[in-house]
């Protein structure tokens, strides 16, 4: 996979994760579920952002 394709894939994943985070917090699910899954999504978003930053610095 090339760097630009990898970056595009990570950017798309970031958009999906952010959308899932917003949808989760706007939903009527129980607070424990919202915050638990929301925390996991937040960690995933941080990982994707870190990978994007790392891939951007090597170009």
PDB file of N, CA and C in Angstrom:
ATOM      1  N   UNK A   1       0.844  -1.175   0.000  1.00  0.00           N
ATOM      2  CA  UNK A   1       0.000   0.000   0.000  1.00  0.00           C
ATOM      3  C   UNK A   1       0.892   1.242   0.000  1.00  0.00           C
ATOM      4  N   UNK A   2       0.615   2.176  -0.844  1.00  0.00           N
ATOM      5  CA  UNK A   2       1.425   3.383  -0.912  1.00  0.00           C
ATOM      6  C   UNK A   2       1.081   4.320   0.231  1.00  0.00           C
ATOM      7  N   UNK A   3       1.939   5.283   0.456  1.00  0.00           N
ATOM      8  CA  UNK A   3       1.729   6.218   1.561  1.00  0.00           C
ATOM      9  C   UNK A   3       0.454   7.028   1.379  1.00  0.00           C
ATOM     10  N   UNK A   4       0.190   7.500   0.178  1.00  0.00           N
ATOM     11  CA  UNK A   4      -1.004   8.318  -0.028  1.00  0.00           C
ATOM     12  C   UNK A   4      -2.272   7.488   0.124  1.00  0.00           C
ATOM     13  N   UNK A   5      -2.222   6.240  -0.324  1.00  0.00           N
ATOM     14  CA  UNK A   5      -3.392   5.372  -0.169  1.00  0.00           C
ATOM     15  C   UNK A   5      -3.617   5.048   1.303  1.00  0.00           C
ATOM     16  N   UNK A   6      -2.542   4.810   2.020  1.00  0.00           N
ATOM     17  CA  UNK A   6      -2.628   4.553   3.450  1.00  0.00           C
ATOM     18  C   UNK A   6      -3.192   5.760   4.180  1.00  0.00           C
ATOM     19  N   UNK A   7      -2.737   6.944   3.818  1.00  0.00           N
ATOM     20  CA  UNK A   7      -3.226   8.171   4.431  1.00  0.00           C
ATOM     21  C   UNK A   7      -4.704   8.374   4.143  1.00  0.00           C
ATOM     22  N   UNK A   8      -5.116   8.103   2.916  1.00  0.00           N
ATOM     23  CA  UNK A   8      -6.517   8.228   2.548  1.00  0.00           C
ATOM     24  C   UNK A   8      -7.377   7.246   3.332  1.00  0.00           C
ATOM     25  N   UNK A   9      -6.895   6.024   3.481  1.00  0.00           N
ATOM     26  CA  UNK A   9      -7.622   5.013   4.242  1.00  0.00           C
ATOM     27  C   UNK A   9      -7.753   5.429   5.700  1.00  0.00           C
ATOM     28  N   UNK A  10      -6.675   5.926   6.280  1.00  0.00           N
ATOM     29  CA  UNK A  10      -6.721   6.364   7.674  1.00  0.00           C
ATOM     30  C   UNK A  10      -7.648   7.571   7.858  1.00  0.00           C
ATOM     31  N   UNK A  11      -7.636   8.480   6.894  1.00  0.00           N
ATOM     32  CA  UNK A  11      -8.530   9.641   6.979  1.00  0.00           C
ATOM     33  C   UNK A  11      -9.989   9.219   6.899  1.00  0.00           C
ATOM     34  N   UNK A  12     -10.284   8.253   6.036  1.00  0.00           N
ATOM     35  CA  UNK A  12     -11.653   7.742   5.938  1.00  0.00           C
ATOM     36  C   UNK A  12     -12.054   7.038   7.228  1.00  0.00           C
ATOM     37  N   UNK A  13     -11.147   6.266   7.805  1.00  0.00           N
ATOM     38  CA  UNK A  13     -11.417   5.598   9.066  1.00  0.00           C
ATOM     39  C   UNK A  13     -11.664   6.610  10.175  1.00  0.00           C
ATOM     40  N   UNK A  14     -10.893   7.680  10.186  1.00  0.00           N
ATOM     41  CA  UNK A  14     -11.072   8.734  11.176  1.00  0.00           C
ATOM     42  C   UNK A  14     -12.457   9.354  11.066  1.00  0.00           C
ATOM     43  N   UNK A  15     -12.912   9.603   9.845  1.00  0.00           N
ATOM     44  CA  UNK A  15     -14.245  10.173   9.641  1.00  0.00           C
ATOM     45  C   UNK A  15     -15.333   9.221  10.136  1.00  0.00           C
ATOM     46  N   UNK A  16     -15.169   7.943   9.873  1.00  0.00           N
ATOM     47  CA  UNK A  16     -16.150   6.953  10.319  1.00  0.00           C
ATOM     48  C   UNK A  16     -16.167   6.871  11.845  1.00  0.00           C
ATOM     49  N   UNK A  17     -15.005   6.844  12.455  1.00  0.00           N
ATOM     50  CA  UNK A  17     -14.930   6.778  13.919  1.00  0.00           C
ATOM     51  C   UNK A  17     -15.540   8.018  14.568  1.00  0.00           C
ATOM     52  N   UNK A  18     -15.263   9.179  14.012  1.00  0.00           N
ATOM     53  CA  UNK A  18     -15.830  10.414  14.555  1.00  0.00           C
ATOM     54  C   UNK A  18     -17.349  10.418  14.412  1.00  0.00           C
ATOM     55  N   UNK A  19     -17.847   9.953  13.279  1.00  0.00           N
ATOM     56  CA  UNK A  19     -19.296   9.861  13.078  1.00  0.00           C
ATOM     57  C   UNK A  19     -19.933   8.883  14.043  1.00  0.00           C
ATOM     58  N   UNK A  20     -19.266   7.767  14.287  1.00  0.00           N
ATOM     59  CA  UNK A  20     -19.785   6.785  15.241  1.00  0.00           C
ATOM     60  C   UNK A  20     -19.807   7.362  16.654  1.00  0.00           C
ATOM     61  N   UNK A  21     -18.801   8.137  16.995  1.00  0.00           N
ATOM     62  CA  UNK A  21     -18.749   8.773  18.315  1.00  0.00           C
ATOM     63  C   UNK A  21     -19.922   9.740  18.492  1.00  0.00           C
ATOM     64  N   UNK A  22     -20.171  10.556  17.498  1.00  0.00           N
ATOM     65  CA  UNK A  22     -21.284  11.515  17.565  1.00  0.00           C
ATOM     66  C   UNK A  22     -22.617  10.775  17.640  1.00  0.00           C
ATOM     67  N   UNK A  23     -22.785   9.761  16.804  1.00  0.00           N
ATOM     68  CA  UNK A  23     -24.036   8.996  16.805  1.00  0.00           C
ATOM     69  C   UNK A  23     -24.252   8.298  18.139  1.00  0.00           C
ATOM     70  N   UNK A  24     -23.185   7.780  18.722  1.00  0.00           N
ATOM     71  CA  UNK A  24     -23.290   7.089  20.008  1.00  0.00           C
ATOM     72  C   UNK A  24     -23.747   8.044  21.106  1.00  0.00           C
ATOM     73  N   UNK A  25     -23.135   9.211  21.182  1.00  0.00           N
ATOM     74  CA  UNK A  25     -23.493  10.148  22.243  1.00  0.00           C
ATOM     75  C   UNK A  25     -24.857  10.797  22.009  1.00  0.00           C
ATOM     76  N   UNK A  26     -25.341  10.785  20.787  1.00  0.00           N
ATOM     77  CA  UNK A  26     -26.674  11.316  20.500  1.00  0.00           C
ATOM     78  C   UNK A  26     -27.759  10.262  20.706  1.00  0.00           C
ATOM     79  N   UNK A  27     -27.372   9.011  20.920  1.00  0.00           N
ATOM     80  CA  UNK A  27     -28.342   7.929  21.045  1.00  0.00           C
ATOM     81  C   UNK A  27     -28.931   7.869  22.455  1.00  0.00           C
ATOM     82  N   UNK A  28     -29.932   7.015  22.596  1.00  0.00           N
ATOM     83  CA  UNK A  28     -30.613   6.850  23.884  1.00  0.00           C
ATOM     84  C   UNK A  28     -30.124   5.630  24.655  1.00  0.00           C
ATOM     85  N   UNK A  29     -28.941   5.143  24.354  1.00  0.00           N
ATOM     86  CA  UNK A  29     -28.426   3.978  25.068  1.00  0.00           C
ATOM     87  C   UNK A  29     -28.066   4.358  26.498  1.00  0.00           C
ATOM     88  N   UNK A  30     -27.890   3.352  27.332  1.00  0.00           N
ATOM     89  CA  UNK A  30     -27.561   3.591  28.736  1.00  0.00           C
ATOM     90  C   UNK A  30     -26.232   4.342  28.859  1.00  0.00           C
ATOM     91  N   UNK A  31     -26.129   5.135  29.905  1.00  0.00           N
ATOM     92  CA  UNK A  31     -24.931   5.956  30.090  1.00  0.00           C
ATOM     93  C   UNK A  31     -23.658   5.118  30.156  1.00  0.00           C
ATOM     94  N   UNK A  32     -23.696   4.010  30.861  1.00  0.00           N
ATOM     95  CA  UNK A  32     -22.511   3.166  30.980  1.00  0.00           C
ATOM     96  C   UNK A  32     -22.033   2.662  29.635  1.00  0.00           C
ATOM     97  N   UNK A  33     -22.978   2.272  28.790  1.00  0.00           N
ATOM     98  CA  UNK A  33     -22.629   1.798  27.448  1.00  0.00           C
ATOM     99  C   UNK A  33     -22.082   2.944  26.616  1.00  0.00           C
ATOM    100  N   UNK A  34     -22.758   4.085  26.665  1.00  0.00           N
ATOM    101  CA  UNK A  34     -22.297   5.239  25.884  1.00  0.00           C
ATOM    102  C   UNK A  34     -20.886   5.642  26.260  1.00  0.00           C
ATOM    103  N   UNK A  35     -20.614   5.720  27.549  1.00  0.00           N
ATOM    104  CA  UNK A  35     -19.293   6.173  27.970  1.00  0.00           C
ATOM    105  C   UNK A  35     -18.229   5.107  27.772  1.00  0.00           C
ATOM    106  N   UNK A  36     -18.578   3.853  27.950  1.00  0.00           N
ATOM    107  CA  UNK A  36     -17.617   2.773  27.723  1.00  0.00           C
ATOM    108  C   UNK A  36     -17.223   2.642  26.272  1.00  0.00           C
ATOM    109  N   UNK A  37     -18.225   2.557  25.406  1.00  0.00           N
ATOM    110  CA  UNK A  37     -17.951   2.450  23.968  1.00  0.00           C
ATOM    111  C   UNK A  37     -17.364   3.760  23.456  1.00  0.00           C
ATOM    112  N   UNK A  38     -17.840   4.872  23.990  1.00  0.00           N
ATOM    113  CA  UNK A  38     -17.299   6.175  23.594  1.00  0.00           C
ATOM    114  C   UNK A  38     -15.825   6.303  23.925  1.00  0.00           C
ATOM    115  N   UNK A  39     -15.425   5.781  25.072  1.00  0.00           N
ATOM    116  CA  UNK A  39     -14.005   5.810  25.444  1.00  0.00           C
ATOM    117  C   UNK A  39     -13.176   4.960  24.487  1.00  0.00           C
ATOM    118  N   UNK A  40     -13.703   3.786  24.120  1.00  0.00           N
ATOM    119  CA  UNK A  40     -12.986   2.929  23.164  1.00  0.00           C
ATOM    120  C   UNK A  40     -12.862   3.618  21.811  1.00  0.00           C
ATOM    121  N   UNK A  41     -13.924   4.282  21.382  1.00  0.00           N
ATOM    122  CA  UNK A  41     -13.868   5.017  20.117  1.00  0.00           C
ATOM    123  C   UNK A  41     -12.880   6.179  20.207  1.00  0.00           C
ATOM    124  N   UNK A  42     -12.845   6.852  21.336  1.00  0.00           N
ATOM    125  CA  UNK A  42     -11.904   7.966  21.507  1.00  0.00           C
ATOM    126  C   UNK A  42     -10.462   7.483  21.424  1.00  0.00           C
ATOM    127  N   UNK A  43     -10.181   6.339  22.029  1.00  0.00           N
ATOM    128  CA  UNK A  43      -8.824   5.774  21.951  1.00  0.00           C
ATOM    129  C   UNK A  43      -8.498   5.421  20.501  1.00  0.00           C
ATOM    130  N   UNK A  44      -9.459   4.828  19.791  1.00  0.00           N
ATOM    131  CA  UNK A  44      -9.239   4.483  18.384  1.00  0.00           C
ATOM    132  C   UNK A  44      -8.977   5.737  17.550  1.00  0.00           C
ATOM    133  N   UNK A  45      -9.701   6.804  17.839  1.00  0.00           N
ATOM    134  CA  UNK A  45      -9.481   8.071  17.123  1.00  0.00           C
ATOM    135  C   UNK A  45      -8.068   8.591  17.393  1.00  0.00           C
ATOM    136  N   UNK A  46      -7.633   8.526  18.635  1.00  0.00           N
ATOM    137  CA  UNK A  46      -6.266   8.976  18.961  1.00  0.00           C
ATOM    138  C   UNK A  46      -5.212   8.152  18.246  1.00  0.00           C
ATOM    139  N   UNK A  47      -5.430   6.847  18.148  1.00  0.00           N
ATOM    140  CA  UNK A  47      -4.478   5.981  17.451  1.00  0.00           C
ATOM    141  C   UNK A  47      -4.409   6.348  15.974  1.00  0.00           C
ATOM    142  N   UNK A  48      -5.569   6.574  15.359  1.00  0.00           N
ATOM    143  CA  UNK A  48      -5.593   6.933  13.936  1.00  0.00           C
ATOM    144  C   UNK A  48      -4.917   8.281  13.714  1.00  0.00           C
ATOM    145  N   UNK A  49      -5.181   9.243  14.580  1.00  0.00           N
ATOM    146  CA  UNK A  49      -4.544  10.564  14.450  1.00  0.00           C
ATOM    147  C   UNK A  49      -3.027  10.434  14.595  1.00  0.00           C
ATOM    148  N   UNK A  50      -2.567   9.619  15.531  1.00  0.00           N
ATOM    149  CA  UNK A  50      -1.127   9.418  15.708  1.00  0.00           C
ATOM    150  C   UNK A  50      -0.515   8.777  14.471  1.00  0.00           C
ATOM    151  N   UNK A  51      -1.208   7.807  13.890  1.00  0.00           N
ATOM    152  CA  UNK A  51      -0.687   7.166  12.674  1.00  0.00           C
ATOM    153  C   UNK A  51      -0.669   8.145  11.500  1.00  0.00           C
ATOM    154  N   UNK A  52      -1.699   8.990  11.414  1.00  0.00           N
ATOM    155  CA  UNK A  52      -1.708  10.008  10.354  1.00  0.00           C
ATOM    156  C   UNK A  52      -0.530  10.964  10.522  1.00  0.00           C
ATOM    157  N   UNK A  53      -0.271  11.372  11.744  1.00  0.00           N
ATOM    158  CA  UNK A  53       0.849  12.282  11.997  1.00  0.00           C
ATOM    159  C   UNK A  53       2.165  11.609  11.662  1.00  0.00           C
ATOM    160  N   UNK A  54       2.288  10.338  12.006  1.00  0.00           N
ATOM    161  CA  UNK A  54       3.518   9.607  11.718  1.00  0.00           C
ATOM    162  C   UNK A  54       3.712   9.427  10.210  1.00  0.00           C
ATOM    163  N   UNK A  55       2.641   9.110   9.508  1.00  0.00           N
ATOM    164  CA  UNK A  55       2.758   8.925   8.064  1.00  0.00           C
ATOM    165  C   UNK A  55       3.017  10.258   7.350  1.00  0.00           C
ATOM    166  N   UNK A  56       2.505  11.341   7.905  1.00  0.00           N
ATOM    167  CA  UNK A  56       2.745  12.645   7.302  1.00  0.00           C
ATOM    168  C   UNK A  56       4.159  13.123   7.479  1.00  0.00           C
ATOM    169  N   UNK A  57       4.809  12.724   8.555  1.00  0.00           N
ATOM    170  CA  UNK A  57       6.177  13.188   8.797  1.00  0.00           C
ATOM    171  C   UNK A  57       7.198  12.425   7.973  1.00  0.00           C
ATOM    172  N   UNK A  58       6.811  11.235   7.451  1.00  0.00           N
ATOM    173  CA  UNK A  58       7.764  10.454   6.662  1.00  0.00           C
ATOM    174  C   UNK A  58       7.688  10.740   5.177  1.00  0.00           C
ATOM    175  N   UNK A  59       6.722  11.568   4.747  1.00  0.00           N
ATOM    176  CA  UNK A  59       6.591  11.890   3.309  1.00  0.00           C
ATOM    177  C   UNK A  59       7.594  12.906   2.849  1.00  0.00           C
TER     178      UNK A  59
END
